[in-house]
């Protein structure tokens, strides 16, 4: 019932893993509401959520939301964490320039297309997951350019259609965990291969291979680590292939992702039940 928003001291509304729908009509009345966890529910729309201007955290993953991300999300100027992965959102990824407080953005496993935004006006954004989408074009050299060099940055852009060379500008961060497997990347700026701390020290141990396996090779994770090495496969044209000759097979990647999502969702429900 939307009357729940009339509770003036309501700070946390957590309904995850329940088969319920929720309208955001009246959310403006919940002036103390900070956290809204609606993952694995039956919500059908985000219409009206932009009036919840006190929100700091939103989680709507594992639902059946579709269409573009509503523009009213940009009204949530206090938002720090936005998680909407494992849905069917389409269109381009919004830059969300009005939300300067954003620290975490999880939009993986949707159907976003278009270019990867630079997020260059987000000084606090340190965690981005846009994996399992249809993003195209190069990785911007200005990606996260307003984030302090001392920050530990997490970046997952796996399983898209990104092209070009991994930009050397990312080497400015003291710590970086980056996943880029199964794109159409053709090279890595050598400055990145000198950052020995990156990918939990795998770059120090395996140089460029610790970021992506080169063309003509593959590994189950798309890069070299203590548990996975880059092995020859002459059929692979691009960097970061996880199969031999199949890294550009987007239908295979989508099928694997869908299965993994079902496993994760089911496991989460079992854990909640326990």
C-alpha atoms as a PDB file:
ATOM      1  CA  UNK A   1       0.000   0.000   0.000  1.00  0.00           C
ATOM      2  CA  UNK A   2       1.271   3.460  -0.886  1.00  0.00           C
ATOM      3  CA  UNK A   3       0.157   4.669   2.549  1.00  0.00           C
ATOM      4  CA  UNK A   4       3.473   3.308   3.769  1.00  0.00           C
ATOM      5  CA  UNK A   5       5.069   6.514   2.446  1.00  0.00           C
ATOM      6  CA  UNK A   6       3.130   8.507   5.033  1.00  0.00           C
ATOM      7  CA  UNK A   7       5.418   7.167   7.782  1.00  0.00           C
ATOM      8  CA  UNK A   8       7.525  10.273   8.350  1.00  0.00           C
ATOM      9  CA  UNK A   9      10.358   8.380  10.072  1.00  0.00           C
ATOM     10  CA  UNK A  10      10.585   5.631   7.444  1.00  0.00           C
ATOM     11  CA  UNK A  11      14.269   5.294   6.486  1.00  0.00           C
ATOM     12  CA  UNK A  12      14.562   1.791   5.037  1.00  0.00           C
ATOM     13  CA  UNK A  13      12.009   0.057   2.823  1.00  0.00           C
ATOM     14  CA  UNK A  14      13.289  -3.438   2.019  1.00  0.00           C
ATOM     15  CA  UNK A  15      10.869  -5.749   0.202  1.00  0.00           C
ATOM     16  CA  UNK A  16      13.345  -7.823  -1.811  1.00  0.00           C
ATOM     17  CA  UNK A  17      12.605 -11.452  -2.749  1.00  0.00           C
ATOM     18  CA  UNK A  18       8.858 -11.075  -2.278  1.00  0.00           C
ATOM     19  CA  UNK A  19       6.317 -11.324  -5.143  1.00  0.00           C
ATOM     20  CA  UNK A  20       4.902  -7.833  -4.631  1.00  0.00           C
ATOM     21  CA  UNK A  21       4.406  -4.768  -6.794  1.00  0.00           C
ATOM     22  CA  UNK A  22       4.860  -1.229  -5.504  1.00  0.00           C
ATOM     23  CA  UNK A  23       3.802   2.120  -6.910  1.00  0.00           C
ATOM     24  CA  UNK A  24       5.849   5.209  -6.198  1.00  0.00           C
ATOM     25  CA  UNK A  25       2.787   7.445  -5.956  1.00  0.00           C
ATOM     26  CA  UNK A  26       3.217   9.475  -2.794  1.00  0.00           C
ATOM     27  CA  UNK A  27       6.918   8.686  -2.269  1.00  0.00           C
ATOM     28  CA  UNK A  28       7.578  12.420  -1.824  1.00  0.00           C
ATOM     29  CA  UNK A  29       5.866  12.152   1.577  1.00  0.00           C
ATOM     30  CA  UNK A  30       8.575   9.772   2.816  1.00  0.00           C
ATOM     31  CA  UNK A  31      11.010  12.597   3.426  1.00  0.00           C
ATOM     32  CA  UNK A  32      13.365  10.430   5.544  1.00  0.00           C
ATOM     33  CA  UNK A  33      13.531   7.436   3.147  1.00  0.00           C
ATOM     34  CA  UNK A  34      17.165   6.577   2.347  1.00  0.00           C
ATOM     35  CA  UNK A  35      17.240   2.956   1.198  1.00  0.00           C
ATOM     36  CA  UNK A  36      14.858   1.236  -1.229  1.00  0.00           C
ATOM     37  CA  UNK A  37      15.597  -2.455  -1.887  1.00  0.00           C
ATOM     38  CA  UNK A  38      13.150  -3.950  -4.369  1.00  0.00           C
ATOM     39  CA  UNK A  39      15.295  -6.605  -6.047  1.00  0.00           C
ATOM     40  CA  UNK A  40      13.595  -9.878  -7.056  1.00  0.00           C
ATOM     41  CA  UNK A  41      10.057  -8.519  -6.691  1.00  0.00           C
ATOM     42  CA  UNK A  42       7.299  -7.857  -9.234  1.00  0.00           C
ATOM     43  CA  UNK A  43       7.694  -4.115  -9.685  1.00  0.00           C
ATOM     44  CA  UNK A  44       6.656  -3.062 -13.184  1.00  0.00           C
ATOM     45  CA  UNK A  45       7.784   0.522 -13.491  1.00  0.00           C
ATOM     46  CA  UNK A  46      10.000   3.196 -11.951  1.00  0.00           C
ATOM     47  CA  UNK A  47       7.543   5.981 -12.803  1.00  0.00           C
ATOM     48  CA  UNK A  48       7.333   8.459  -9.951  1.00  0.00           C
ATOM     49  CA  UNK A  49      10.561   7.421  -8.231  1.00  0.00           C
ATOM     50  CA  UNK A  50      12.115  10.788  -9.059  1.00  0.00           C
ATOM     51  CA  UNK A  51      10.063  12.385  -6.279  1.00  0.00           C
ATOM     52  CA  UNK A  52      11.917  10.342  -3.646  1.00  0.00           C
ATOM     53  CA  UNK A  53      14.618  12.969  -3.423  1.00  0.00           C
ATOM     54  CA  UNK A  54      15.918  11.773  -0.055  1.00  0.00           C
ATOM     55  CA  UNK A  55      16.917   8.381  -1.502  1.00  0.00           C
ATOM     56  CA  UNK A  56      20.572   7.372  -1.152  1.00  0.00           C
ATOM     57  CA  UNK A  57      20.331   3.731  -2.267  1.00  0.00           C
ATOM     58  CA  UNK A  58      18.120   1.995  -4.862  1.00  0.00           C
ATOM     59  CA  UNK A  59      18.237  -1.697  -5.802  1.00  0.00           C
ATOM     60  CA  UNK A  60      15.775  -2.976  -8.425  1.00  0.00           C
ATOM     61  CA  UNK A  61      17.816  -5.825  -9.966  1.00  0.00           C
ATOM     62  CA  UNK A  62      16.318  -9.182 -10.990  1.00  0.00           C
ATOM     63  CA  UNK A  63      13.015  -7.731 -12.135  1.00  0.00           C
ATOM     64  CA  UNK A  64      11.371  -7.352 -15.561  1.00  0.00           C
ATOM     65  CA  UNK A  65      11.799  -3.625 -15.977  1.00  0.00           C
ATOM     66  CA  UNK A  66      12.214  -2.537 -19.580  1.00  0.00           C
ATOM     67  CA  UNK A  67      12.480   0.510 -21.792  1.00  0.00           C
ATOM     68  CA  UNK A  68      14.920   3.386 -21.215  1.00  0.00           C
ATOM     69  CA  UNK A  69      16.033   4.416 -17.748  1.00  0.00           C
ATOM     70  CA  UNK A  70      13.514   7.162 -16.841  1.00  0.00           C
ATOM     71  CA  UNK A  71      14.993  10.663 -16.963  1.00  0.00           C
ATOM     72  CA  UNK A  72      13.472  11.451 -13.565  1.00  0.00           C
ATOM     73  CA  UNK A  73      16.247   9.359 -11.962  1.00  0.00           C
ATOM     74  CA  UNK A  74      18.405  12.461 -12.410  1.00  0.00           C
ATOM     75  CA  UNK A  75      16.235  14.257  -9.833  1.00  0.00           C
ATOM     76  CA  UNK A  76      17.643  11.991  -7.093  1.00  0.00           C
ATOM     77  CA  UNK A  77      20.522  14.317  -6.337  1.00  0.00           C
ATOM     78  CA  UNK A  78      21.424  12.536  -3.087  1.00  0.00           C
ATOM     79  CA  UNK A  79      21.733   9.090  -4.673  1.00  0.00           C
ATOM     80  CA  UNK A  80      24.942   7.187  -3.948  1.00  0.00           C
ATOM     81  CA  UNK A  81      24.141   3.658  -5.162  1.00  0.00           C
ATOM     82  CA  UNK A  82      21.997   2.696  -8.164  1.00  0.00           C
ATOM     83  CA  UNK A  83      21.612  -1.023  -8.894  1.00  0.00           C
ATOM     84  CA  UNK A  84      19.351  -1.998 -11.781  1.00  0.00           C
ATOM     85  CA  UNK A  85      21.199  -4.973 -13.272  1.00  0.00           C
ATOM     86  CA  UNK A  86      19.482  -8.125 -14.589  1.00  0.00           C
ATOM     87  CA  UNK A  87      16.508  -6.376 -16.171  1.00  0.00           C
ATOM     88  CA  UNK A  88      15.593  -5.572 -19.783  1.00  0.00           C
ATOM     89  CA  UNK A  89      16.425  -1.870 -19.931  1.00  0.00           C
ATOM     90  CA  UNK A  90      17.141  -0.516 -23.417  1.00  0.00           C
ATOM     91  CA  UNK A  91      18.448   2.665 -24.986  1.00  0.00           C
ATOM     92  CA  UNK A  92      21.655   4.418 -24.071  1.00  0.00           C
ATOM     93  CA  UNK A  93      23.269   4.496 -20.645  1.00  0.00           C
ATOM     94  CA  UNK A  94      22.418   7.851 -19.045  1.00  0.00           C
ATOM     95  CA  UNK A  95      25.304  10.065 -17.983  1.00  0.00           C
ATOM     96  CA  UNK A  96      23.447  11.090 -14.766  1.00  0.00           C
ATOM     97  CA  UNK A  97      25.513  14.267 -14.538  1.00  0.00           C
ATOM     98  CA  UNK A  98      23.133  15.836 -12.005  1.00  0.00           C
ATOM     99  CA  UNK A  99      23.890  13.126  -9.435  1.00  0.00           C
ATOM    100  CA  UNK A 100      27.313  14.213  -8.192  1.00  0.00           C
ATOM    101  CA  UNK A 101      27.097  11.972  -5.105  1.00  0.00           C
ATOM    102  CA  UNK A 102      27.013   8.702  -7.070  1.00  0.00           C
ATOM    103  CA  UNK A 103      29.599   6.163  -5.876  1.00  0.00           C
ATOM    104  CA  UNK A 104      28.260   2.861  -7.268  1.00  0.00           C
ATOM    105  CA  UNK A 105      26.511   2.137 -10.570  1.00  0.00           C
ATOM    106  CA  UNK A 106      25.428  -1.414 -11.393  1.00  0.00           C
ATOM    107  CA  UNK A 107      23.656  -1.762 -14.766  1.00  0.00           C
ATOM    108  CA  UNK A 108      24.965  -5.102 -15.982  1.00  0.00           C
ATOM    109  CA  UNK A 109      22.938  -7.686 -17.890  1.00  0.00           C
ATOM    110  CA  UNK A 110      20.486  -5.392 -19.632  1.00  0.00           C
ATOM    111  CA  UNK A 111      20.114  -4.403 -23.295  1.00  0.00           C
ATOM    112  CA  UNK A 112      21.778  -0.999 -23.308  1.00  0.00           C
ATOM    113  CA  UNK A 113      23.300   0.138 -26.581  1.00  0.00           C
ATOM    114  CA  UNK A 114      25.262   3.121 -27.821  1.00  0.00           C
ATOM    115  CA  UNK A 115      28.519   4.547 -26.570  1.00  0.00           C
ATOM    116  CA  UNK A 116      30.005   4.175 -23.106  1.00  0.00           C
ATOM    117  CA  UNK A 117      29.570   7.470 -21.199  1.00  0.00           C
ATOM    118  CA  UNK A 118      32.692   9.035 -19.735  1.00  0.00           C
ATOM    119  CA  UNK A 119      31.127   9.754 -16.324  1.00  0.00           C
ATOM    120  CA  UNK A 120      33.679  12.554 -16.188  1.00  0.00           C
ATOM    121  CA  UNK A 121      31.580  14.716 -13.823  1.00  0.00           C
ATOM    122  CA  UNK A 122      31.260  12.156 -11.034  1.00  0.00           C
ATOM    123  CA  UNK A 123      34.099  12.726  -8.542  1.00  0.00           C
ATOM    124  CA  UNK A 124      32.848  10.009  -6.169  1.00  0.00           C
ATOM    125  CA  UNK A 125      32.046   7.249  -8.697  1.00  0.00           C
ATOM    126  CA  UNK A 126      34.384   4.317  -8.030  1.00  0.00           C
ATOM    127  CA  UNK A 127      32.362   1.240  -8.962  1.00  0.00           C
ATOM    128  CA  UNK A 128      30.839   0.678 -12.416  1.00  0.00           C
ATOM    129  CA  UNK A 129      29.352  -2.566 -13.757  1.00  0.00           C
ATOM    130  CA  UNK A 130      27.999  -2.306 -17.310  1.00  0.00           C
ATOM    131  CA  UNK A 131      28.804  -5.865 -18.347  1.00  0.00           C
ATOM    132  CA  UNK A 132      26.526  -7.999 -20.547  1.00  0.00           C
ATOM    133  CA  UNK A 133      25.082  -5.179 -22.630  1.00  0.00           C
ATOM    134  CA  UNK A 134      25.503  -3.995 -26.222  1.00  0.00           C
ATOM    135  CA  UNK A 135      27.739  -0.961 -25.758  1.00  0.00           C
ATOM    136  CA  UNK A 136      29.791  -0.038 -28.819  1.00  0.00           C
ATOM    137  CA  UNK A 137      32.753   2.123 -29.716  1.00  0.00           C
ATOM    138  CA  UNK A 138      35.948   2.912 -27.807  1.00  0.00           C
ATOM    139  CA  UNK A 139      36.466   3.295 -24.083  1.00  0.00           C
ATOM    140  CA  UNK A 140      36.684   7.084 -23.511  1.00  0.00           C
ATOM    141  CA  UNK A 141      40.055   8.393 -22.423  1.00  0.00           C
ATOM    142  CA  UNK A 142      38.159  10.750 -20.101  1.00  0.00           C
ATOM    143  CA  UNK A 143      36.447   7.872 -18.275  1.00  0.00           C
ATOM    144  CA  UNK A 144      36.137   8.826 -14.579  1.00  0.00           C
ATOM    145  CA  UNK A 145      38.502  11.745 -15.170  1.00  0.00           C
ATOM    146  CA  UNK A 146      37.238  13.664 -12.112  1.00  0.00           C
ATOM    147  CA  UNK A 147      37.872  10.771  -9.692  1.00  0.00           C
ATOM    148  CA  UNK A 148      40.941  11.205  -7.487  1.00  0.00           C
ATOM    149  CA  UNK A 149      44.028   9.228  -8.513  1.00  0.00           C
ATOM    150  CA  UNK A 150      44.302   7.743  -5.024  1.00  0.00           C
ATOM    151  CA  UNK A 151      40.946   5.935  -5.289  1.00  0.00           C
ATOM    152  CA  UNK A 152      40.514   2.185  -5.782  1.00  0.00           C
ATOM    153  CA  UNK A 153      38.389   1.846  -8.906  1.00  0.00           C
ATOM    154  CA  UNK A 154      36.313  -1.166 -10.016  1.00  0.00           C
ATOM    155  CA  UNK A 155      35.288  -1.327 -13.675  1.00  0.00           C
ATOM    156  CA  UNK A 156      33.445  -4.212 -15.369  1.00  0.00           C
ATOM    157  CA  UNK A 157      32.740  -3.694 -19.081  1.00  0.00           C
ATOM    158  CA  UNK A 158      32.801  -7.359 -20.052  1.00  0.00           C
ATOM    159  CA  UNK A 159      30.661  -8.824 -22.841  1.00  0.00           C
ATOM    160  CA  UNK A 160      29.873  -5.713 -24.840  1.00  0.00           C
ATOM    161  CA  UNK A 161      30.993  -4.675 -28.331  1.00  0.00           C
ATOM    162  CA  UNK A 162      33.643  -2.161 -27.292  1.00  0.00           C
ATOM    163  CA  UNK A 163      36.445  -1.533 -29.774  1.00  0.00           C
ATOM    164  CA  UNK A 164      39.840   0.122 -30.070  1.00  0.00           C
ATOM    165  CA  UNK A 165      42.613   0.222 -27.483  1.00  0.00           C
ATOM    166  CA  UNK A 166      42.244   0.264 -23.706  1.00  0.00           C
ATOM    167  CA  UNK A 167      43.196   3.903 -22.956  1.00  0.00           C
ATOM    168  CA  UNK A 168      46.363   4.685 -21.045  1.00  0.00           C
ATOM    169  CA  UNK A 169      44.609   7.444 -19.094  1.00  0.00           C
ATOM    170  CA  UNK A 170      43.258   4.739 -16.773  1.00  0.00           C
ATOM    171  CA  UNK A 171      46.826   4.179 -15.546  1.00  0.00           C
ATOM    172  CA  UNK A 172      46.547   7.272 -13.350  1.00  0.00           C
ATOM    173  CA  UNK A 173      44.683   5.365 -10.648  1.00  0.00           C
ATOM    174  CA  UNK A 174      46.687   3.833  -7.823  1.00  0.00           C
ATOM    175  CA  UNK A 175      44.396   0.818  -7.748  1.00  0.00           C
ATOM    176  CA  UNK A 176      42.245  -0.591 -10.549  1.00  0.00           C
ATOM    177  CA  UNK A 177      40.256  -3.783 -11.000  1.00  0.00           C
ATOM    178  CA  UNK A 178      39.112  -3.972 -14.605  1.00  0.00           C
ATOM    179  CA  UNK A 179      37.218  -6.679 -16.502  1.00  0.00           C
ATOM    180  CA  UNK A 180      37.049  -6.320 -20.297  1.00  0.00           C
ATOM    181  CA  UNK A 181      36.676  -9.857 -21.638  1.00  0.00           C
ATOM    182  CA  UNK A 182      34.607 -10.671 -24.718  1.00  0.00           C
ATOM    183  CA  UNK A 183      34.608  -7.319 -26.471  1.00  0.00           C
ATOM    184  CA  UNK A 184      36.297  -6.386 -29.743  1.00  0.00           C
ATOM    185  CA  UNK A 185      39.318  -4.708 -28.218  1.00  0.00           C
ATOM    186  CA  UNK A 186      42.421  -4.597 -30.398  1.00  0.00           C
ATOM    187  CA  UNK A 187      45.108  -3.482 -27.978  1.00  0.00           C
ATOM    188  CA  UNK A 188      46.178  -2.215 -24.555  1.00  0.00           C
ATOM    189  CA  UNK A 189      48.096   0.981 -23.891  1.00  0.00           C
ATOM    190  CA  UNK A 190      51.474  -0.186 -22.489  1.00  0.00           C
ATOM    191  CA  UNK A 191      51.273   2.259 -19.564  1.00  0.00           C
ATOM    192  CA  UNK A 192      48.536   0.079 -18.074  1.00  0.00           C
ATOM    193  CA  UNK A 193      50.772  -2.983 -18.232  1.00  0.00           C
ATOM    194  CA  UNK A 194      53.274  -1.341 -15.877  1.00  0.00           C
ATOM    195  CA  UNK A 195      50.750  -0.904 -13.048  1.00  0.00           C
ATOM    196  CA  UNK A 196      51.765  -3.885 -10.942  1.00  0.00           C
ATOM    197  CA  UNK A 197      48.947  -3.512  -8.398  1.00  0.00           C
ATOM    198  CA  UNK A 198      46.146  -3.694 -10.941  1.00  0.00           C
ATOM    199  CA  UNK A 199      43.756  -6.653 -10.935  1.00  0.00           C
ATOM    200  CA  UNK A 200      44.910  -7.712  -7.474  1.00  0.00           C
ATOM    201  CA  UNK A 201      48.530  -7.950  -8.582  1.00  0.00           C
ATOM    202  CA  UNK A 202      47.898 -10.008 -11.730  1.00  0.00           C
ATOM    203  CA  UNK A 203      49.289  -7.206 -13.898  1.00  0.00           C
ATOM    204  CA  UNK A 204      52.483  -7.315 -11.858  1.00  0.00           C
ATOM    205  CA  UNK A 205      52.753 -11.055 -12.437  1.00  0.00           C
ATOM    206  CA  UNK A 206      51.586 -11.271 -16.062  1.00  0.00           C
ATOM    207  CA  UNK A 207      51.972  -7.719 -17.467  1.00  0.00           C
ATOM    208  CA  UNK A 208      49.455  -6.989 -20.256  1.00  0.00           C
ATOM    209  CA  UNK A 209      48.095 -10.533 -20.093  1.00  0.00           C
ATOM    210  CA  UNK A 210      46.874  -9.716 -16.579  1.00  0.00           C
ATOM    211  CA  UNK A 211      44.443  -7.271 -18.210  1.00  0.00           C
ATOM    212  CA  UNK A 212      43.482  -9.137 -21.377  1.00  0.00           C
ATOM    213  CA  UNK A 213      44.807 -12.143 -23.251  1.00  0.00           C
ATOM    214  CA  UNK A 214      46.201 -10.957 -26.615  1.00  0.00           C
ATOM    215  CA  UNK A 215      44.733 -11.822 -29.997  1.00  0.00           C
ATOM    216  CA  UNK A 216      45.491 -15.383 -31.044  1.00  0.00           C
ATOM    217  CA  UNK A 217      44.968 -16.640 -27.484  1.00  0.00           C
ATOM    218  CA  UNK A 218      42.183 -17.250 -24.966  1.00  0.00           C
ATOM    219  CA  UNK A 219      41.480 -18.077 -21.344  1.00  0.00           C
ATOM    220  CA  UNK A 220      38.250 -18.886 -19.477  1.00  0.00           C
ATOM    221  CA  UNK A 221      38.398 -15.452 -17.825  1.00  0.00           C
ATOM    222  CA  UNK A 222      39.767 -13.540 -20.802  1.00  0.00           C
ATOM    223  CA  UNK A 223      43.007 -12.738 -18.986  1.00  0.00           C
ATOM    224  CA  UNK A 224      45.865 -14.377 -17.130  1.00  0.00           C
ATOM    225  CA  UNK A 225      45.841 -15.025 -13.394  1.00  0.00           C
ATOM    226  CA  UNK A 226      47.084 -17.656 -10.947  1.00  0.00           C
ATOM    227  CA  UNK A 227      44.117 -19.837 -11.870  1.00  0.00           C
ATOM    228  CA  UNK A 228      43.917 -19.133 -15.599  1.00  0.00           C
ATOM    229  CA  UNK A 229      46.529 -18.683 -18.316  1.00  0.00           C
ATOM    230  CA  UNK A 230      46.355 -17.419 -21.881  1.00  0.00           C
ATOM    231  CA  UNK A 231      46.651 -20.351 -24.281  1.00  0.00           C
ATOM    232  CA  UNK A 232      47.017 -20.263 -28.084  1.00  0.00           C
ATOM    233  CA  UNK A 233      43.961 -20.055 -30.355  1.00  0.00           C
ATOM    234  CA  UNK A 234      44.755 -18.726 -33.829  1.00  0.00           C
ATOM    235  CA  UNK A 235      41.070 -18.090 -34.583  1.00  0.00           C
ATOM    236  CA  UNK A 236      40.713 -15.314 -32.004  1.00  0.00           C
ATOM    237  CA  UNK A 237      41.070 -11.879 -33.584  1.00  0.00           C
ATOM    238  CA  UNK A 238      40.441  -9.720 -30.530  1.00  0.00           C
ATOM    239  CA  UNK A 239      41.906  -9.363 -27.047  1.00  0.00           C
ATOM    240  CA  UNK A 240      40.201 -10.986 -24.064  1.00  0.00           C
ATOM    241  CA  UNK A 241      38.511 -14.008 -25.663  1.00  0.00           C
ATOM    242  CA  UNK A 242      37.054 -16.597 -23.309  1.00  0.00           C
ATOM    243  CA  UNK A 243      36.449 -19.250 -25.975  1.00  0.00           C
ATOM    244  CA  UNK A 244      38.386 -20.385 -29.004  1.00  0.00           C
ATOM    245  CA  UNK A 245      36.807 -18.719 -32.005  1.00  0.00           C
ATOM    246  CA  UNK A 246      33.629 -17.791 -30.152  1.00  0.00           C
ATOM    247  CA  UNK A 247      34.342 -14.471 -28.382  1.00  0.00           C
ATOM    248  CA  UNK A 248      32.286 -12.501 -30.921  1.00  0.00           C
ATOM    249  CA  UNK A 249      29.299 -14.872 -30.633  1.00  0.00           C
ATOM    250  CA  UNK A 250      26.968 -12.549 -28.725  1.00  0.00           C
ATOM    251  CA  UNK A 251      24.137 -15.075 -28.639  1.00  0.00           C
ATOM    252  CA  UNK A 252      26.343 -17.539 -26.811  1.00  0.00           C
ATOM    253  CA  UNK A 253      27.414 -14.868 -24.324  1.00  0.00           C
ATOM    254  CA  UNK A 254      23.810 -13.844 -23.703  1.00  0.00           C
ATOM    255  CA  UNK A 255      22.756 -17.429 -23.125  1.00  0.00           C
ATOM    256  CA  UNK A 256      25.558 -17.982 -20.634  1.00  0.00           C
ATOM    257  CA  UNK A 257      24.688 -14.742 -18.851  1.00  0.00           C
ATOM    258  CA  UNK A 258      21.004 -15.639 -18.628  1.00  0.00           C
ATOM    259  CA  UNK A 259      21.801 -19.004 -17.081  1.00  0.00           C
ATOM    260  CA  UNK A 260      24.178 -17.421 -14.587  1.00  0.00           C
ATOM    261  CA  UNK A 261      21.534 -14.840 -13.648  1.00  0.00           C
ATOM    262  CA  UNK A 262      19.000 -17.576 -12.918  1.00  0.00           C
ATOM    263  CA  UNK A 263      21.491 -19.399 -10.711  1.00  0.00           C
ATOM    264  CA  UNK A 264      22.330 -16.232  -8.796  1.00  0.00           C
ATOM    265  CA  UNK A 265      18.693 -15.297  -8.357  1.00  0.00           C
ATOM    266  CA  UNK A 266      17.742 -18.758  -7.163  1.00  0.00           C
ATOM    267  CA  UNK A 267      20.660 -18.875  -4.749  1.00  0.00           C
ATOM    268  CA  UNK A 268      19.692 -15.485  -3.335  1.00  0.00           C
ATOM    269  CA  UNK A 269      16.145 -16.649  -2.723  1.00  0.00           C
ATOM    270  CA  UNK A 270      17.310 -19.782  -0.976  1.00  0.00           C
ATOM    271  CA  UNK A 271      19.619 -17.791   1.270  1.00  0.00           C
ATOM    272  CA  UNK A 272      16.803 -15.409   2.179  1.00  0.00           C
ATOM    273  CA  UNK A 273      14.527 -18.341   2.962  1.00  0.00           C
ATOM    274  CA  UNK A 274      17.153 -19.828   5.247  1.00  0.00           C
END
